[in-house]
Amino acid sequence: MPPKNSISLSRRHFLKLAAAAVIPPILVQTSGGPTDWSRETDLARSVREFLEGVFTGRTMALDFRRINAQYDQEFQIQINSERWFPVASCFKAWVALYYYLNTPRDQWQDTQGTALHSTVVFSSNIDAGIVLADVSRRTSGQGNPIEKFNDFLRLNVGMTNGMYSWDWPGSPTIGFTDQRFLPSEFRNVLY
């Protein structure tokens, strides 16, 4: 089994690569029209090859795609995509993306021991609330930390639903809600 630090470093590096892949369109060669996976650039290939090495021998899977504004798939990286694995908190990957896209690069704090690292690597609910509250302070517009995160999910990611609250004991998001996603007989929530 690899040392604990190598797993943490791999995940952190993966998150940085994932955030970088969302931002620059240089991972694909475009000629003005739709693109496809067969025209993988050298950078996309190097990202894929690095991730294949990280995932080798691990019980993990990845299906990562870049979809452009015209809804064309520009690239796709799939590793162990045919296998199913349990997911503790898949929404926390969106918390990481929310953080990276709303935090200046020179202010990124994602090393071991930071709230972002603990959110993604250890699935810490309290740290997820810390990240949501922190990013909310840097995000313009109206709304509390839950509303701003839901706006990001709806407007940037394209989700149609969001979370009503994030009231984990010790989280700075206790008491904040998004009434647009209030549980009701039409919006079932298991508790």
C-alpha atoms as a PDB file:
ATOM      1  CA  MET A   1       0.000   0.000   0.000  1.00  0.00           C
ATOM      2  CA  PRO A   2       1.446   3.423  -0.931  1.00  0.00           C
ATOM      3  CA  PRO A   3       2.271   5.890   1.838  1.00  0.00           C
ATOM      4  CA  LYS A   4      -0.604   8.094   2.976  1.00  0.00           C
ATOM      5  CA  ASN A   5       1.073  11.254   1.673  1.00  0.00           C
ATOM      6  CA  SER A   6       1.271   9.916  -1.873  1.00  0.00           C
ATOM      7  CA  ILE A   7      -2.508   9.485  -1.978  1.00  0.00           C
ATOM      8  CA  SER A   8      -3.096  13.001  -0.650  1.00  0.00           C
ATOM      9  CA  LEU A   9      -0.647  14.515  -3.100  1.00  0.00           C
ATOM     10  CA  SER A  10      -2.210  12.634  -5.998  1.00  0.00           C
ATOM     11  CA  ARG A  11      -5.678  13.867  -5.127  1.00  0.00           C
ATOM     12  CA  ARG A  12      -4.528  17.438  -4.665  1.00  0.00           C
ATOM     13  CA  HIS A  13      -2.654  17.332  -7.937  1.00  0.00           C
ATOM     14  CA  PHE A  14      -5.740  15.809  -9.574  1.00  0.00           C
ATOM     15  CA  LEU A  15      -7.924  18.663  -8.276  1.00  0.00           C
ATOM     16  CA  LYS A  16      -5.513  21.248  -9.643  1.00  0.00           C
ATOM     17  CA  LEU A  17      -5.491  19.495 -13.008  1.00  0.00           C
ATOM     18  CA  ALA A  18      -9.282  19.267 -12.997  1.00  0.00           C
ATOM     19  CA  ALA A  19      -9.640  22.972 -12.221  1.00  0.00           C
ATOM     20  CA  ALA A  20      -7.093  23.866 -14.891  1.00  0.00           C
ATOM     21  CA  ALA A  21      -8.865  21.685 -17.440  1.00  0.00           C
ATOM     22  CA  VAL A  22     -12.128  23.555 -16.937  1.00  0.00           C
ATOM     23  CA  ILE A  23     -10.548  26.934 -17.527  1.00  0.00           C
ATOM     24  CA  PRO A  24      -8.272  26.772 -20.600  1.00  0.00           C
ATOM     25  CA  PRO A  25      -9.660  25.394 -23.846  1.00  0.00           C
ATOM     26  CA  ILE A  26      -6.119  24.509 -25.051  1.00  0.00           C
ATOM     27  CA  LEU A  27      -6.695  20.857 -24.193  1.00  0.00           C
ATOM     28  CA  VAL A  28      -8.343  20.393 -27.566  1.00  0.00           C
ATOM     29  CA  GLN A  29      -7.531  21.466 -31.065  1.00  0.00           C
ATOM     30  CA  THR A  30     -10.436  23.407 -32.489  1.00  0.00           C
ATOM     31  CA  SER A  31     -11.067  24.440 -36.077  1.00  0.00           C
ATOM     32  CA  GLY A  32     -14.224  26.431 -35.425  1.00  0.00           C
ATOM     33  CA  GLY A  33     -16.521  23.404 -35.465  1.00  0.00           C
ATOM     34  CA  PRO A  34     -17.400  20.620 -33.061  1.00  0.00           C
ATOM     35  CA  THR A  35     -14.490  18.672 -31.682  1.00  0.00           C
ATOM     36  CA  ASP A  36     -14.196  15.098 -30.561  1.00  0.00           C
ATOM     37  CA  TRP A  37     -11.989  12.808 -28.547  1.00  0.00           C
ATOM     38  CA  SER A  38     -10.032  11.615 -31.580  1.00  0.00           C
ATOM     39  CA  ARG A  39      -8.235  14.966 -31.776  1.00  0.00           C
ATOM     40  CA  GLU A  40      -6.701  14.805 -28.300  1.00  0.00           C
ATOM     41  CA  THR A  41      -3.989  17.438 -27.823  1.00  0.00           C
ATOM     42  CA  ASP A  42      -0.621  16.703 -26.284  1.00  0.00           C
ATOM     43  CA  LEU A  43      -1.687  18.461 -23.072  1.00  0.00           C
ATOM     44  CA  ALA A  44      -4.932  16.456 -22.793  1.00  0.00           C
ATOM     45  CA  ARG A  45      -2.974  13.267 -23.477  1.00  0.00           C
ATOM     46  CA  SER A  46      -0.429  14.120 -20.760  1.00  0.00           C
ATOM     47  CA  VAL A  47      -3.251  14.830 -18.260  1.00  0.00           C
ATOM     48  CA  ARG A  48      -4.920  11.519 -19.153  1.00  0.00           C
ATOM     49  CA  GLU A  49      -1.657   9.566 -18.920  1.00  0.00           C
ATOM     50  CA  PHE A  50      -0.829  11.140 -15.547  1.00  0.00           C
ATOM     51  CA  LEU A  51      -4.273  10.295 -14.181  1.00  0.00           C
ATOM     52  CA  GLU A  52      -4.089   6.736 -15.503  1.00  0.00           C
ATOM     53  CA  GLY A  53      -0.877   6.331 -13.519  1.00  0.00           C
ATOM     54  CA  VAL A  54      -2.465   7.795 -10.379  1.00  0.00           C
ATOM     55  CA  PHE A  55      -5.496   5.486 -10.636  1.00  0.00           C
ATOM     56  CA  THR A  56      -3.547   2.308 -11.450  1.00  0.00           C
ATOM     57  CA  GLY A  57      -4.155  -0.336  -8.794  1.00  0.00           C
ATOM     58  CA  ARG A  58      -6.672   1.787  -6.898  1.00  0.00           C
ATOM     59  CA  THR A  59     -10.367   1.096  -6.478  1.00  0.00           C
ATOM     60  CA  MET A  60     -11.306   4.432  -7.980  1.00  0.00           C
ATOM     61  CA  ALA A  61     -13.000   5.538 -11.192  1.00  0.00           C
ATOM     62  CA  LEU A  62     -13.124   8.750 -13.175  1.00  0.00           C
ATOM     63  CA  ASP A  63     -15.252  10.080 -16.003  1.00  0.00           C
ATOM     64  CA  PHE A  64     -14.137  13.637 -16.699  1.00  0.00           C
ATOM     65  CA  ARG A  65     -15.276  15.635 -19.738  1.00  0.00           C
ATOM     66  CA  ARG A  66     -15.012  19.176 -21.001  1.00  0.00           C
ATOM     67  CA  ILE A  67     -18.238  20.451 -22.544  1.00  0.00           C
ATOM     68  CA  ASN A  68     -18.003  23.809 -24.317  1.00  0.00           C
ATOM     69  CA  ALA A  69     -20.618  26.571 -24.500  1.00  0.00           C
ATOM     70  CA  GLN A  70     -22.158  24.944 -27.572  1.00  0.00           C
ATOM     71  CA  TYR A  71     -22.603  21.713 -25.556  1.00  0.00           C
ATOM     72  CA  ASP A  72     -20.005  19.903 -27.665  1.00  0.00           C
ATOM     73  CA  GLN A  73     -17.738  17.490 -25.843  1.00  0.00           C
ATOM     74  CA  GLU A  74     -14.203  18.719 -26.341  1.00  0.00           C
ATOM     75  CA  PHE A  75     -12.424  15.941 -24.484  1.00  0.00           C
ATOM     76  CA  GLN A  76     -13.107  12.993 -22.239  1.00  0.00           C
ATOM     77  CA  ILE A  77     -10.941  11.107 -19.771  1.00  0.00           C
ATOM     78  CA  GLN A  78     -12.359   7.811 -18.533  1.00  0.00           C
ATOM     79  CA  ILE A  79     -10.585   5.505 -16.100  1.00  0.00           C
ATOM     80  CA  ASN A  80     -12.317   2.384 -14.756  1.00  0.00           C
ATOM     81  CA  SER A  81     -15.562   3.877 -16.061  1.00  0.00           C
ATOM     82  CA  GLU A  82     -17.110   0.444 -16.487  1.00  0.00           C
ATOM     83  CA  ARG A  83     -16.768  -0.265 -12.751  1.00  0.00           C
ATOM     84  CA  TRP A  84     -19.088   1.085 -10.051  1.00  0.00           C
ATOM     85  CA  PHE A  85     -17.718   2.365  -6.754  1.00  0.00           C
ATOM     86  CA  PRO A  86     -19.482   3.837  -3.714  1.00  0.00           C
ATOM     87  CA  VAL A  87     -19.230   7.612  -3.413  1.00  0.00           C
ATOM     88  CA  ALA A  88     -19.226   9.258   0.005  1.00  0.00           C
ATOM     89  CA  SER A  89     -20.005  12.828  -1.031  1.00  0.00           C
ATOM     90  CA  CYS A  90     -19.880  13.455  -4.736  1.00  0.00           C
ATOM     91  CA  PHE A  91     -21.143  17.018  -4.273  1.00  0.00           C
ATOM     92  CA  LYS A  92     -17.846  17.898  -2.561  1.00  0.00           C
ATOM     93  CA  ALA A  93     -16.102  17.717  -5.931  1.00  0.00           C
ATOM     94  CA  TRP A  94     -18.301  20.679  -6.906  1.00  0.00           C
ATOM     95  CA  VAL A  95     -17.218  22.453  -3.702  1.00  0.00           C
ATOM     96  CA  ALA A  96     -13.606  22.100  -4.884  1.00  0.00           C
ATOM     97  CA  LEU A  97     -14.429  23.454  -8.340  1.00  0.00           C
ATOM     98  CA  TYR A  98     -16.423  26.313  -6.738  1.00  0.00           C
ATOM     99  CA  TYR A  99     -13.381  27.132  -4.607  1.00  0.00           C
ATOM    100  CA  TYR A 100     -10.872  27.054  -7.474  1.00  0.00           C
ATOM    101  CA  LEU A 101     -13.000  29.126  -9.828  1.00  0.00           C
ATOM    102  CA  ASN A 102     -13.760  31.780  -7.178  1.00  0.00           C
ATOM    103  CA  THR A 103     -10.387  32.044  -5.452  1.00  0.00           C
ATOM    104  CA  PRO A 104      -7.422  33.822  -7.031  1.00  0.00           C
ATOM    105  CA  ARG A 105      -4.750  31.251  -7.870  1.00  0.00           C
ATOM    106  CA  ASP A 106      -2.156  32.932  -5.643  1.00  0.00           C
ATOM    107  CA  GLN A 107      -4.539  32.501  -2.676  1.00  0.00           C
ATOM    108  CA  TRP A 108      -5.279  28.785  -3.156  1.00  0.00           C
ATOM    109  CA  GLN A 109      -4.929  26.876   0.098  1.00  0.00           C
ATOM    110  CA  ASP A 110      -5.331  23.201  -0.731  1.00  0.00           C
ATOM    111  CA  THR A 111      -2.457  21.463   0.999  1.00  0.00           C
ATOM    112  CA  GLN A 112      -2.846  18.878   3.721  1.00  0.00           C
ATOM    113  CA  GLY A 113      -4.480  20.373   6.804  1.00  0.00           C
ATOM    114  CA  THR A 114      -6.516  23.006   4.944  1.00  0.00           C
ATOM    115  CA  ALA A 115     -10.302  23.048   4.876  1.00  0.00           C
ATOM    116  CA  LEU A 116     -10.429  22.312   1.132  1.00  0.00           C
ATOM    117  CA  HIS A 117      -8.091  19.338   1.441  1.00  0.00           C
ATOM    118  CA  SER A 118     -10.097  17.913   4.349  1.00  0.00           C
ATOM    119  CA  THR A 119     -13.361  18.471   2.466  1.00  0.00           C
ATOM    120  CA  VAL A 120     -12.270  16.518  -0.593  1.00  0.00           C
ATOM    121  CA  VAL A 121      -9.855  13.939   0.796  1.00  0.00           C
ATOM    122  CA  PHE A 122     -11.537  13.127   4.112  1.00  0.00           C
ATOM    123  CA  SER A 123     -15.132  14.153   3.242  1.00  0.00           C
ATOM    124  CA  SER A 124     -15.242  16.506   6.239  1.00  0.00           C
ATOM    125  CA  ASN A 125     -18.683  18.075   6.557  1.00  0.00           C
ATOM    126  CA  ILE A 126     -17.514  20.859   8.870  1.00  0.00           C
ATOM    127  CA  ASP A 127     -14.695  21.793   6.496  1.00  0.00           C
ATOM    128  CA  ALA A 128     -17.129  21.759   3.565  1.00  0.00           C
ATOM    129  CA  GLY A 129     -19.128  24.420   5.439  1.00  0.00           C
ATOM    130  CA  ILE A 130     -15.936  26.399   6.079  1.00  0.00           C
ATOM    131  CA  VAL A 131     -15.112  26.369   2.346  1.00  0.00           C
ATOM    132  CA  LEU A 132     -18.674  27.346   1.381  1.00  0.00           C
ATOM    133  CA  ALA A 133     -18.639  30.269   3.832  1.00  0.00           C
ATOM    134  CA  ASP A 134     -15.123  31.338   2.787  1.00  0.00           C
ATOM    135  CA  VAL A 135     -15.883  31.356  -0.941  1.00  0.00           C
ATOM    136  CA  SER A 136     -19.201  33.117  -0.321  1.00  0.00           C
ATOM    137  CA  ARG A 137     -17.329  36.097   1.143  1.00  0.00           C
ATOM    138  CA  ARG A 138     -15.333  36.413  -2.109  1.00  0.00           C
ATOM    139  CA  THR A 139     -18.311  35.894  -4.415  1.00  0.00           C
ATOM    140  CA  SER A 140     -20.216  38.961  -5.564  1.00  0.00           C
ATOM    141  CA  GLY A 141     -23.961  39.220  -5.490  1.00  0.00           C
ATOM    142  CA  GLN A 142     -26.710  38.701  -2.991  1.00  0.00           C
ATOM    143  CA  GLY A 143     -27.311  35.618  -0.934  1.00  0.00           C
ATOM    144  CA  ASN A 144     -25.972  33.514   1.883  1.00  0.00           C
ATOM    145  CA  PRO A 145     -23.304  30.807   1.445  1.00  0.00           C
ATOM    146  CA  ILE A 146     -25.877  28.114   0.562  1.00  0.00           C
ATOM    147  CA  GLU A 147     -27.689  30.308  -1.981  1.00  0.00           C
ATOM    148  CA  LYS A 148     -24.435  31.375  -3.639  1.00  0.00           C
ATOM    149  CA  PHE A 149     -23.228  27.769  -3.922  1.00  0.00           C
ATOM    150  CA  ASN A 150     -26.586  26.739  -5.395  1.00  0.00           C
ATOM    151  CA  ASP A 151     -26.373  29.637  -7.865  1.00  0.00           C
ATOM    152  CA  PHE A 152     -22.967  28.307  -8.934  1.00  0.00           C
ATOM    153  CA  LEU A 153     -24.401  24.796  -9.359  1.00  0.00           C
ATOM    154  CA  ARG A 154     -27.339  26.105 -11.390  1.00  0.00           C
ATOM    155  CA  LEU A 155     -25.635  28.778 -13.494  1.00  0.00           C
ATOM    156  CA  ASN A 156     -22.135  27.371 -13.958  1.00  0.00           C
ATOM    157  CA  VAL A 157     -22.586  23.619 -13.703  1.00  0.00           C
ATOM    158  CA  GLY A 158     -26.106  23.385 -15.135  1.00  0.00           C
ATOM    159  CA  MET A 159     -27.805  21.506 -12.291  1.00  0.00           C
ATOM    160  CA  THR A 160     -31.505  22.017 -11.744  1.00  0.00           C
ATOM    161  CA  ASN A 161     -31.486  21.296  -8.018  1.00  0.00           C
ATOM    162  CA  GLY A 162     -29.520  22.476  -5.027  1.00  0.00           C
ATOM    163  CA  MET A 163     -29.262  21.928  -1.323  1.00  0.00           C
ATOM    164  CA  TYR A 164     -31.576  23.461   1.229  1.00  0.00           C
ATOM    165  CA  SER A 165     -29.085  23.726   4.098  1.00  0.00           C
ATOM    166  CA  TRP A 166     -25.709  22.577   5.378  1.00  0.00           C
ATOM    167  CA  ASP A 167     -26.324  22.441   9.129  1.00  0.00           C
ATOM    168  CA  TRP A 168     -23.581  20.118  10.336  1.00  0.00           C
ATOM    169  CA  PRO A 169     -22.674  20.851  13.986  1.00  0.00           C
ATOM    170  CA  GLY A 170     -19.632  23.124  14.045  1.00  0.00           C
ATOM    171  CA  SER A 171     -20.097  24.378  10.474  1.00  0.00           C
ATOM    172  CA  PRO A 172     -20.241  28.153   9.886  1.00  0.00           C
ATOM    173  CA  THR A 173     -23.184  27.542   7.532  1.00  0.00           C
ATOM    174  CA  ILE A 174     -25.589  26.567  10.332  1.00  0.00           C
ATOM    175  CA  GLY A 175     -28.828  28.511   9.998  1.00  0.00           C
ATOM    176  CA  PHE A 176     -28.371  29.436   6.337  1.00  0.00           C
ATOM    177  CA  THR A 177     -30.940  27.994   3.936  1.00  0.00           C
ATOM    178  CA  ASP A 178     -31.991  28.305   0.324  1.00  0.00           C
ATOM    179  CA  GLN A 179     -35.777  28.500   0.254  1.00  0.00           C
ATOM    180  CA  ARG A 180     -35.815  27.599  -3.447  1.00  0.00           C
ATOM    181  CA  PHE A 181     -34.967  24.048  -2.370  1.00  0.00           C
ATOM    182  CA  LEU A 182     -37.173  23.763   0.706  1.00  0.00           C
ATOM    183  CA  PRO A 183     -38.118  20.091   1.233  1.00  0.00           C
ATOM    184  CA  SER A 184     -41.779  19.488   0.465  1.00  0.00           C
ATOM    185  CA  GLU A 185     -44.092  16.705  -0.682  1.00  0.00           C
ATOM    186  CA  PHE A 186     -42.822  17.465  -4.210  1.00  0.00           C
ATOM    187  CA  ARG A 187     -39.146  17.606  -3.199  1.00  0.00           C
ATOM    188  CA  ASN A 188     -38.491  14.468  -1.199  1.00  0.00           C
ATOM    189  CA  VAL A 189     -35.475  14.382   1.068  1.00  0.00           C
ATOM    190  CA  LEU A 190     -34.310  11.398   3.079  1.00  0.00           C
ATOM    191  CA  TYR A 191     -33.005  12.359   6.515  1.00  0.00           C
END
